[in-house]
Amino acid sequence: MDRLRRPADPRTAALIRAAQASARSRGSFQPSRRTMLGAGALGLGASLLAGCAPPEPPAGGVAELDLPEDRSEREKTVRWANWTAYLDMDDAGKTYPTLTAFEKQTGIKVSYTEDVDDNDTYFNKIAPQLRAKQDINRDIFTFTDWMANRIIREGLCQPLELIQMPNASNLLAPLKDVSFDPGRQYSLTWQSGFAGIGYHKGKVGRELKAIEDLWADDLKGRISVLSEFRDTLGLIMQSQGVDPSGDFDQAAFEAAIGEVDKRLTEGYIRRVKGNSYLNDLKSGNAVAGIVWSGDLFVLRAETEDDDWEFVIPESGGMLWSDNLMVPITSHHRRNAQQVMDYYYDPKVAAEVAAWVNYICPVEGARAEMEKIDPDLAESPFIFPSEDYIADHDIVGFRALSSQEDADYSALWAKAVGN
């Protein structure tokens, strides 16, 4: 690959440079599961920010918001909906150490649930209630850039009082003015990562390097792919010689869908799933597939099985990013803001990053990681270099117009039977 090549989106390139420069500052924390991971434990894969090509700014601005009463002073609670395997856990897998520390520090009780399995599925579940101004019993939810764009555009989240959140200034500079949320008035990045190939070396019995390697006869019925089409189809488009961050047309998109449809029909793909794909990997029903980078670290730690491997396909990898937001119906916005602010403390952010092994968006976290574990501070999964991104042809799925989003989502839903 041409080493002079750089991500097409200047925002992504700038983020990478910022991530490299974000080392050299503060204290320490208690190491967690690092002994299970090892430097480069899942092979030379990597992770970075989401959506190389960011969504378009909300058309016509954001709808005027009618905010609910904030009860944070008298109701010391926060209800947080997040994705699976996305927060540090203790060795017993029962508590979240950083969350426990937050509760002791603030007196705010946090109800943390792994509700989000897929952007569309979760959004479609809660959107009717949000539009009707009915409480969804959540004060924070976590969505990928393109869905965050839709939520902001529809006025389904509350603005953040950044003046109440001093640690929010630790957000990496290139992420502070994204096009779907200029000035970060409604969202803060939680984590970022890659989509690529994950597999069990012992059960597969060989290296998997390309998307085409998944369609081997001995793997038939044992492959899982992600229901997020920007990740699954983005990788397949790359394998077909199409740049998903570029100006592709519907024919190219349909060609990638055709590959998934073919492999489903032929029985190679067992499931098209959201975050619950991990259950198939844990049970052995699936031994390989299209996966998210950090999940394979978590899987390796939870199963204490060193054979789980993550790789960027030879044709390239996909970028994505998830964001913390406050639902329009939440009555605990200020408590939610305290949670967000807490996780933007570099020490806390480093502790989370050491467990989830996704890209950390917090300035100063790399310096904290160097004090905890110098090997993890050099991990391309957590603090990727610009050269690594360029050399492995890692890009983000380009922003879709509203019409494209609707059309492509319908085509994908039809193909996977949703």
Protein backbone atom coordinates (compact mmCIF):
# COMPACT_ATOMS: atom_id res chain seq x y z
CA MET A 1 0.00 0.00 0.00
CA ASP A 2 1.09 3.55 -0.70
CA ARG A 3 2.44 4.88 2.60
CA LEU A 4 1.65 8.44 1.54
CA ARG A 5 -2.05 7.70 1.43
CA ARG A 6 -4.10 9.37 4.17
CA PRO A 7 -7.75 9.13 5.26
CA ALA A 8 -9.95 11.07 2.86
CA ASP A 9 -11.67 13.00 5.63
CA PRO A 10 -9.46 15.73 7.14
CA ARG A 11 -11.28 15.39 10.47
CA THR A 12 -10.15 11.79 10.81
CA ALA A 13 -6.56 12.57 9.93
CA ALA A 14 -6.59 15.40 12.45
CA LEU A 15 -8.02 13.15 15.13
CA ILE A 16 -5.26 10.64 14.62
CA ARG A 17 -2.60 13.33 14.93
CA ALA A 18 -4.28 14.57 18.09
CA ALA A 19 -4.37 11.07 19.53
CA GLN A 20 -0.64 10.74 18.94
CA ALA A 21 0.05 14.08 20.59
CA SER A 22 -2.17 13.50 23.61
CA ALA A 23 0.46 11.85 25.81
CA ARG A 24 2.62 13.36 28.60
CA SER A 25 0.59 14.34 31.72
CA ARG A 26 -0.83 13.02 35.14
CA GLY A 27 -1.49 10.28 37.92
CA SER A 28 -2.39 6.52 38.13
CA PHE A 29 -5.10 3.92 38.78
CA GLN A 30 -5.34 0.29 39.76
CA PRO A 31 -4.74 -2.03 36.76
CA SER A 32 -7.58 -4.38 35.89
CA ARG A 33 -7.45 -7.25 33.40
CA ARG A 34 -4.24 -6.26 31.58
CA THR A 35 -2.55 -9.55 32.51
CA MET A 36 -4.94 -11.36 30.16
CA LEU A 37 -4.31 -9.11 27.20
CA GLY A 38 -0.60 -8.70 26.55
CA ALA A 39 0.86 -6.27 24.04
CA GLY A 40 -0.69 -6.87 20.64
CA ALA A 41 -2.70 -9.70 22.19
CA LEU A 42 -5.16 -9.87 19.34
CA GLY A 43 -2.64 -9.42 16.58
CA LEU A 44 -1.94 -6.23 14.68
CA GLY A 45 -5.42 -4.88 14.49
CA ALA A 46 -6.31 -1.33 15.48
CA SER A 47 -9.01 1.15 16.44
CA LEU A 48 -9.94 4.82 15.92
CA LEU A 49 -12.72 7.34 15.59
CA ALA A 50 -16.01 6.73 13.95
CA GLY A 51 -17.48 7.91 10.77
CA CYS A 52 -14.53 9.03 8.73
CA ALA A 53 -16.98 11.01 6.64
CA PRO A 54 -19.21 12.70 9.24
CA PRO A 55 -22.96 13.05 8.78
CA GLU A 56 -24.30 16.22 7.26
CA PRO A 57 -25.25 19.01 9.69
CA PRO A 58 -28.91 18.98 10.72
CA ALA A 59 -30.89 20.46 7.84
CA GLY A 60 -32.59 23.71 8.79
CA GLY A 61 -31.18 23.62 12.31
CA VAL A 62 -32.55 21.82 15.35
CA ALA A 63 -36.18 21.95 16.42
CA GLU A 64 -37.01 24.19 19.38
CA LEU A 65 -36.93 22.08 22.52
CA ASP A 66 -39.46 21.94 25.33
CA LEU A 67 -37.30 20.63 28.17
CA PRO A 68 -38.78 18.69 31.11
CA GLU A 69 -38.28 19.72 34.72
CA ASP A 70 -34.86 18.69 36.01
CA ARG A 71 -35.16 16.77 39.30
CA SER A 72 -31.47 16.09 39.80
CA GLU A 73 -31.26 17.95 43.11
CA ARG A 74 -33.88 15.80 44.80
CA GLU A 75 -33.56 12.57 42.79
CA LYS A 76 -29.95 11.40 42.92
CA THR A 77 -30.17 8.89 40.12
CA VAL A 78 -29.05 8.32 36.52
CA ARG A 79 -30.24 5.60 34.14
CA TRP A 80 -27.70 4.85 31.40
CA ALA A 81 -28.29 2.69 28.30
CA ASN A 82 -25.10 1.48 26.65
CA TRP A 83 -23.78 -1.28 24.39
CA THR A 84 -22.50 -4.65 25.63
CA ALA A 85 -18.90 -4.98 26.89
CA TYR A 86 -18.44 -1.21 26.89
CA LEU A 87 -17.45 -0.36 30.47
CA ASP A 88 -14.77 -1.67 32.85
CA MET A 89 -15.84 -4.61 35.03
CA ASP A 90 -14.34 -6.28 38.09
CA ASP A 91 -12.73 -9.71 37.87
CA ALA A 92 -15.98 -11.38 38.90
CA GLY A 93 -17.84 -9.62 36.09
CA LYS A 94 -20.45 -8.24 38.48
CA THR A 95 -19.59 -4.58 39.13
CA TYR A 96 -18.18 -1.61 37.24
CA PRO A 97 -15.29 -0.20 39.33
CA THR A 98 -15.29 3.29 37.81
CA LEU A 99 -19.07 3.55 38.18
CA THR A 100 -18.89 2.40 41.80
CA ALA A 101 -16.25 5.07 42.46
CA PHE A 102 -18.49 7.70 40.86
CA GLU A 103 -21.43 6.72 43.06
CA LYS A 104 -19.30 6.98 46.21
CA GLN A 105 -17.87 10.31 45.08
CA THR A 106 -21.18 11.95 44.18
CA GLY A 107 -23.93 10.10 46.01
CA ILE A 108 -25.67 9.59 42.65
CA LYS A 109 -26.95 6.05 42.02
CA VAL A 110 -26.39 4.88 38.45
CA SER A 111 -28.58 2.21 36.87
CA TYR A 112 -26.42 0.90 34.03
CA THR A 113 -28.01 -1.35 31.42
CA GLU A 114 -26.68 -2.94 28.24
CA ASP A 115 -29.79 -2.09 26.26
CA VAL A 116 -28.26 -1.13 22.92
CA ASP A 117 -27.71 -4.04 20.55
CA ASP A 118 -28.06 -2.15 17.28
CA ASN A 119 -28.63 1.54 16.47
CA ASP A 120 -31.79 1.06 14.42
CA THR A 121 -33.34 -1.55 16.70
CA TYR A 122 -32.91 0.51 19.85
CA PHE A 123 -33.88 3.79 18.21
CA ASN A 124 -37.04 2.31 16.72
CA LYS A 125 -37.94 0.96 20.15
CA ILE A 126 -37.69 4.29 21.96
CA ALA A 127 -38.40 6.87 19.23
CA PRO A 128 -42.24 6.71 19.45
CA GLN A 129 -42.09 7.45 23.19
CA LEU A 130 -39.57 10.25 22.74
CA ARG A 131 -41.68 11.88 20.03
CA ALA A 132 -44.72 11.63 22.31
CA LYS A 133 -42.68 13.17 25.17
CA GLN A 134 -43.02 9.99 27.24
CA ASP A 135 -40.26 9.01 29.66
CA ILE A 136 -38.18 6.08 28.36
CA ASN A 137 -36.65 5.54 31.82
CA ARG A 138 -33.21 6.46 30.57
CA ASP A 139 -31.11 9.59 31.20
CA ILE A 140 -28.17 8.73 28.93
CA PHE A 141 -28.16 6.74 25.73
CA THR A 142 -25.25 5.90 23.44
CA PHE A 143 -25.54 6.12 19.66
CA THR A 144 -23.20 6.05 16.66
CA ASP A 145 -22.49 9.32 14.79
CA TRP A 146 -25.00 8.80 11.99
CA MET A 147 -27.82 7.98 14.42
CA ALA A 148 -26.77 10.81 16.74
CA ASN A 149 -27.23 13.08 13.74
CA ARG A 150 -30.83 11.87 13.30
CA ILE A 151 -31.61 12.26 17.00
CA ILE A 152 -30.30 15.83 17.09
CA ARG A 153 -32.11 16.70 13.86
CA GLU A 154 -35.42 15.43 15.26
CA GLY A 155 -34.96 17.24 18.59
CA LEU A 156 -35.00 14.02 20.59
CA CYS A 157 -32.12 14.89 22.92
CA GLN A 158 -31.39 17.72 25.34
CA PRO A 159 -28.62 20.30 24.99
CA LEU A 160 -25.65 19.88 27.32
CA GLU A 161 -24.65 22.60 29.78
CA LEU A 162 -20.95 22.51 28.96
CA ILE A 163 -20.24 25.20 31.53
CA GLN A 164 -21.26 22.61 34.16
CA MET A 165 -18.84 20.04 32.67
CA PRO A 166 -15.22 21.22 33.07
CA ASN A 167 -13.70 17.89 32.01
CA ALA A 168 -15.54 18.05 28.69
CA SER A 169 -12.77 20.36 27.52
CA ASN A 170 -10.55 17.25 27.48
CA LEU A 171 -12.32 16.01 24.34
CA LEU A 172 -9.70 15.72 21.59
CA ALA A 173 -9.70 19.00 19.68
CA PRO A 174 -10.74 17.61 16.26
CA LEU A 175 -13.85 16.07 17.86
CA LYS A 176 -15.11 19.33 19.34
CA ASP A 177 -16.69 20.65 16.17
CA VAL A 178 -18.12 17.68 14.27
CA SER A 179 -20.58 18.53 11.51
CA PHE A 180 -23.55 16.68 13.04
CA ASP A 181 -23.10 18.57 16.35
CA PRO A 182 -21.09 21.79 15.89
CA GLY A 183 -19.51 22.83 19.17
CA ARG A 184 -20.68 19.60 20.81
CA GLN A 185 -23.86 21.10 22.17
CA TYR A 186 -25.73 17.78 22.35
CA SER A 187 -23.21 14.91 22.48
CA LEU A 188 -19.81 13.72 23.69
CA THR A 189 -17.83 10.86 22.17
CA TRP A 190 -17.83 7.74 24.33
CA GLN A 191 -15.46 5.40 22.43
CA SER A 192 -14.37 4.69 18.85
CA GLY A 193 -13.16 1.56 17.12
CA PHE A 194 -12.75 -0.61 14.06
CA ALA A 195 -14.83 -3.22 12.29
CA GLY A 196 -12.80 -6.09 10.89
CA ILE A 197 -12.43 -9.87 11.03
CA GLY A 198 -12.54 -11.76 14.30
CA TYR A 199 -11.94 -15.51 14.62
CA HIS A 200 -10.82 -18.32 16.91
CA LYS A 201 -7.41 -19.55 15.74
CA GLY A 202 -7.78 -22.99 17.29
CA LYS A 203 -11.22 -23.73 15.85
CA VAL A 204 -10.51 -22.23 12.43
CA GLY A 205 -7.05 -23.76 12.20
CA ARG A 206 -5.48 -21.10 9.98
CA GLU A 207 -5.12 -17.36 9.55
CA LEU A 208 -8.00 -15.35 8.13
CA LYS A 209 -6.71 -12.32 6.26
CA ALA A 210 -9.43 -11.35 3.78
CA ILE A 211 -13.21 -11.09 3.74
CA GLU A 212 -13.24 -13.87 1.15
CA ASP A 213 -11.59 -16.17 3.72
CA LEU A 214 -14.87 -16.19 5.65
CA TRP A 215 -16.63 -18.05 2.84
CA ALA A 216 -14.66 -21.29 3.21
CA ASP A 217 -16.69 -24.51 3.15
CA ASP A 218 -15.46 -25.66 6.56
CA LEU A 219 -16.78 -22.43 8.10
CA LYS A 220 -20.25 -22.72 6.56
CA GLY A 221 -22.92 -21.90 9.13
CA ARG A 222 -20.33 -20.69 11.64
CA ILE A 223 -19.96 -17.08 10.50
CA SER A 224 -21.62 -14.07 12.16
CA VAL A 225 -21.79 -10.60 10.63
CA LEU A 226 -22.88 -7.27 12.12
CA SER A 227 -26.33 -5.83 11.55
CA GLU A 228 -24.80 -2.33 11.30
CA PHE A 229 -24.66 -2.10 7.51
CA ARG A 230 -22.03 0.64 7.50
CA ASP A 231 -19.63 -1.84 9.07
CA THR A 232 -20.54 -5.11 7.34
CA LEU A 233 -21.21 -3.67 3.91
CA GLY A 234 -18.36 -1.19 4.23
CA LEU A 235 -15.90 -4.06 4.63
CA ILE A 236 -17.47 -6.02 1.78
CA MET A 237 -17.43 -2.97 -0.48
CA GLN A 238 -13.71 -2.59 0.20
CA SER A 239 -13.19 -6.25 -0.70
CA GLN A 240 -15.00 -5.53 -3.98
CA GLY A 241 -12.70 -2.61 -4.75
CA VAL A 242 -15.12 0.14 -3.71
CA ASP A 243 -14.16 2.94 -1.29
CA PRO A 244 -17.08 3.27 1.19
CA SER A 245 -15.81 6.70 2.21
CA GLY A 246 -15.95 7.90 -1.40
CA ASP A 247 -18.62 8.80 -3.93
CA PHE A 248 -20.04 5.32 -4.53
CA ASP A 249 -23.49 4.83 -6.09
CA GLN A 250 -26.46 2.61 -5.30
CA ALA A 251 -25.24 -0.08 -7.68
CA ALA A 252 -22.07 -0.49 -5.63
CA PHE A 253 -24.11 -0.64 -2.43
CA GLU A 254 -26.43 -3.25 -3.92
CA ALA A 255 -23.46 -5.34 -5.05
CA ALA A 256 -22.29 -5.56 -1.44
CA ILE A 257 -25.80 -6.48 -0.29
CA GLY A 258 -25.83 -9.13 -3.01
CA GLU A 259 -22.75 -10.75 -1.46
CA VAL A 260 -24.41 -10.91 1.97
CA ASP A 261 -27.63 -12.26 0.45
CA LYS A 262 -25.67 -14.93 -1.43
CA ARG A 263 -23.77 -16.03 1.66
CA LEU A 264 -26.96 -16.14 3.73
CA THR A 265 -28.74 -18.21 1.08
CA GLU A 266 -25.80 -20.59 0.75
CA GLY A 267 -25.66 -21.01 4.53
CA TYR A 268 -22.23 -19.52 5.20
CA ILE A 269 -23.57 -16.74 7.44
CA ARG A 270 -25.25 -18.07 10.57
CA ARG A 271 -26.60 -14.78 11.85
CA VAL A 272 -26.74 -11.07 11.08
CA LYS A 273 -26.74 -9.59 14.57
CA GLY A 274 -26.02 -6.53 16.64
CA ASN A 275 -23.90 -6.59 19.77
CA SER A 276 -25.41 -9.97 20.73
CA TYR A 277 -23.16 -11.65 18.15
CA LEU A 278 -20.75 -12.16 21.05
CA ASN A 279 -23.09 -14.81 22.45
CA ASP A 280 -22.63 -16.93 19.33
CA LEU A 281 -18.85 -16.60 19.58
CA LYS A 282 -18.86 -17.49 23.27
CA SER A 283 -21.08 -20.53 22.74
CA GLY A 284 -19.07 -21.80 19.77
CA ASN A 285 -22.02 -21.55 17.40
CA ALA A 286 -19.90 -19.08 15.45
CA VAL A 287 -16.12 -19.24 15.18
CA ALA A 288 -15.46 -16.22 12.95
CA GLY A 289 -17.10 -13.18 11.44
CA ILE A 290 -17.23 -9.44 10.97
CA VAL A 291 -16.79 -7.94 14.44
CA TRP A 292 -15.93 -4.83 16.43
CA SER A 293 -12.32 -4.58 17.57
CA GLY A 294 -12.62 -4.03 21.33
CA ASP A 295 -15.19 -6.81 21.71
CA LEU A 296 -12.54 -9.37 20.85
CA PHE A 297 -10.33 -8.12 23.69
CA VAL A 298 -13.23 -8.43 26.09
CA LEU A 299 -14.09 -11.88 24.73
CA ARG A 300 -10.51 -13.01 25.16
CA ALA A 301 -10.43 -11.79 28.75
CA GLU A 302 -13.83 -13.17 29.73
CA THR A 303 -13.15 -16.61 28.28
CA GLU A 304 -9.44 -16.59 29.21
CA ASP A 305 -8.85 -17.91 25.70
CA ASP A 306 -5.81 -16.55 23.87
CA ASP A 307 -6.95 -17.94 20.52
CA TRP A 308 -9.38 -15.10 19.80
CA GLU A 309 -7.86 -12.87 17.12
CA PHE A 310 -8.84 -9.55 15.53
CA VAL A 311 -7.38 -8.43 12.19
CA ILE A 312 -7.92 -5.65 9.72
CA PRO A 313 -8.73 -7.32 6.37
CA GLU A 314 -6.18 -6.96 3.60
CA SER A 315 -8.66 -4.80 1.68
CA GLY A 316 -9.10 -2.37 4.61
CA GLY A 317 -11.07 -1.71 7.80
CA MET A 318 -13.96 0.49 8.90
CA LEU A 319 -14.07 3.27 11.52
CA TRP A 320 -16.95 4.22 13.80
CA SER A 321 -17.67 6.33 16.90
CA ASP A 322 -20.35 6.28 19.63
CA ASN A 323 -21.73 9.26 21.53
CA LEU A 324 -23.28 9.96 24.93
CA MET A 325 -26.53 11.95 24.77
CA VAL A 326 -29.39 12.91 27.12
CA PRO A 327 -32.89 11.90 25.92
CA ILE A 328 -35.40 14.73 25.51
CA THR A 329 -37.62 13.13 28.20
CA SER A 330 -34.95 12.80 30.92
CA HIS A 331 -35.64 14.51 34.26
CA HIS A 332 -32.01 14.07 35.40
CA ARG A 333 -29.96 15.99 32.88
CA ARG A 334 -27.57 17.51 35.42
CA ASN A 335 -26.93 14.14 37.03
CA ALA A 336 -26.28 12.71 33.56
CA GLN A 337 -23.86 15.54 32.85
CA GLN A 338 -21.95 14.67 36.04
CA VAL A 339 -21.55 11.11 34.75
CA MET A 340 -20.27 12.33 31.38
CA ASP A 341 -17.91 14.82 32.99
CA TYR A 342 -16.53 12.14 35.31
CA TYR A 343 -15.62 9.88 32.39
CA TYR A 344 -13.72 12.72 30.75
CA ASP A 345 -11.24 12.79 33.61
CA PRO A 346 -8.08 11.38 31.93
CA LYS A 347 -7.43 8.95 34.80
CA VAL A 348 -10.93 7.51 34.60
CA ALA A 349 -10.88 7.47 30.81
CA ALA A 350 -7.62 5.50 30.86
CA GLU A 351 -9.07 2.95 33.27
CA VAL A 352 -12.03 2.38 30.96
CA ALA A 353 -9.78 2.21 27.89
CA ALA A 354 -7.55 -0.39 29.56
CA TRP A 355 -10.56 -2.65 29.94
CA VAL A 356 -12.59 -2.08 26.76
CA ASN A 357 -9.59 -1.55 24.45
CA TYR A 358 -11.41 0.87 22.16
CA ILE A 359 -10.04 4.22 21.00
CA CYS A 360 -10.10 6.76 23.80
CA PRO A 361 -11.31 10.29 22.89
CA VAL A 362 -9.93 11.99 26.01
CA GLU A 363 -6.90 14.29 25.94
CA GLY A 364 -4.36 13.19 28.57
CA ALA A 365 -5.57 9.59 28.80
CA ARG A 366 -2.54 8.24 26.98
CA ALA A 367 -0.23 9.82 29.56
CA GLU A 368 -2.27 8.13 32.28
CA MET A 369 -2.08 4.83 30.41
CA GLU A 370 1.72 5.10 30.21
CA LYS A 371 1.81 5.12 34.00
CA ILE A 372 -0.48 2.10 34.23
CA ASP A 373 0.78 0.01 31.35
CA PRO A 374 3.26 1.33 28.77
CA ASP A 375 2.38 -1.49 26.35
CA LEU A 376 -1.29 -0.51 26.24
CA ALA A 377 -0.27 3.12 25.76
CA GLU A 378 1.39 1.98 22.52
CA SER A 379 -1.55 -0.14 21.40
CA PRO A 380 -2.94 0.84 17.97
CA PHE A 381 -6.32 -0.35 19.24
CA ILE A 382 -6.44 2.47 21.80
CA PHE A 383 -4.08 5.17 20.52
CA PRO A 384 -3.65 4.53 16.78
CA SER A 385 -1.01 6.29 14.73
CA GLU A 386 -1.76 8.11 11.50
CA ASP A 387 0.59 5.76 9.63
CA TYR A 388 -1.23 2.70 10.96
CA ILE A 389 -4.59 4.03 9.75
CA ALA A 390 -3.17 4.93 6.36
CA ASP A 391 -1.18 1.72 5.87
CA HIS A 392 -4.18 -0.47 6.68
CA ASP A 393 -6.59 1.53 4.50
CA ILE A 394 -8.99 2.19 7.38
CA VAL A 395 -11.83 4.55 6.49
CA GLY A 396 -15.30 5.56 7.61
CA PHE A 397 -18.54 5.09 5.74
CA ARG A 398 -19.40 8.31 3.96
CA ALA A 399 -22.29 10.50 5.07
CA LEU A 400 -25.55 9.55 3.36
CA SER A 401 -28.27 11.95 2.34
CA SER A 402 -31.63 11.49 4.07
CA GLN A 403 -33.01 9.80 0.95
CA GLU A 404 -29.99 7.51 0.61
CA ASP A 405 -30.23 6.62 4.28
CA ALA A 406 -33.88 5.64 3.89
CA ASP A 407 -33.35 3.76 0.63
CA TYR A 408 -30.21 1.91 1.70
CA SER A 409 -31.65 1.02 5.11
CA ALA A 410 -34.72 -0.46 3.41
CA LEU A 411 -32.56 -2.50 1.03
CA TRP A 412 -30.49 -3.82 3.92
CA ALA A 413 -33.54 -4.65 6.04
CA LYS A 414 -35.05 -6.61 3.17
CA ALA A 415 -31.82 -8.55 2.61
CA VAL A 416 -31.39 -9.59 6.23
CA GLY A 417 -35.08 -10.21 6.88
CA ASN A 418 -35.81 -7.33 9.28
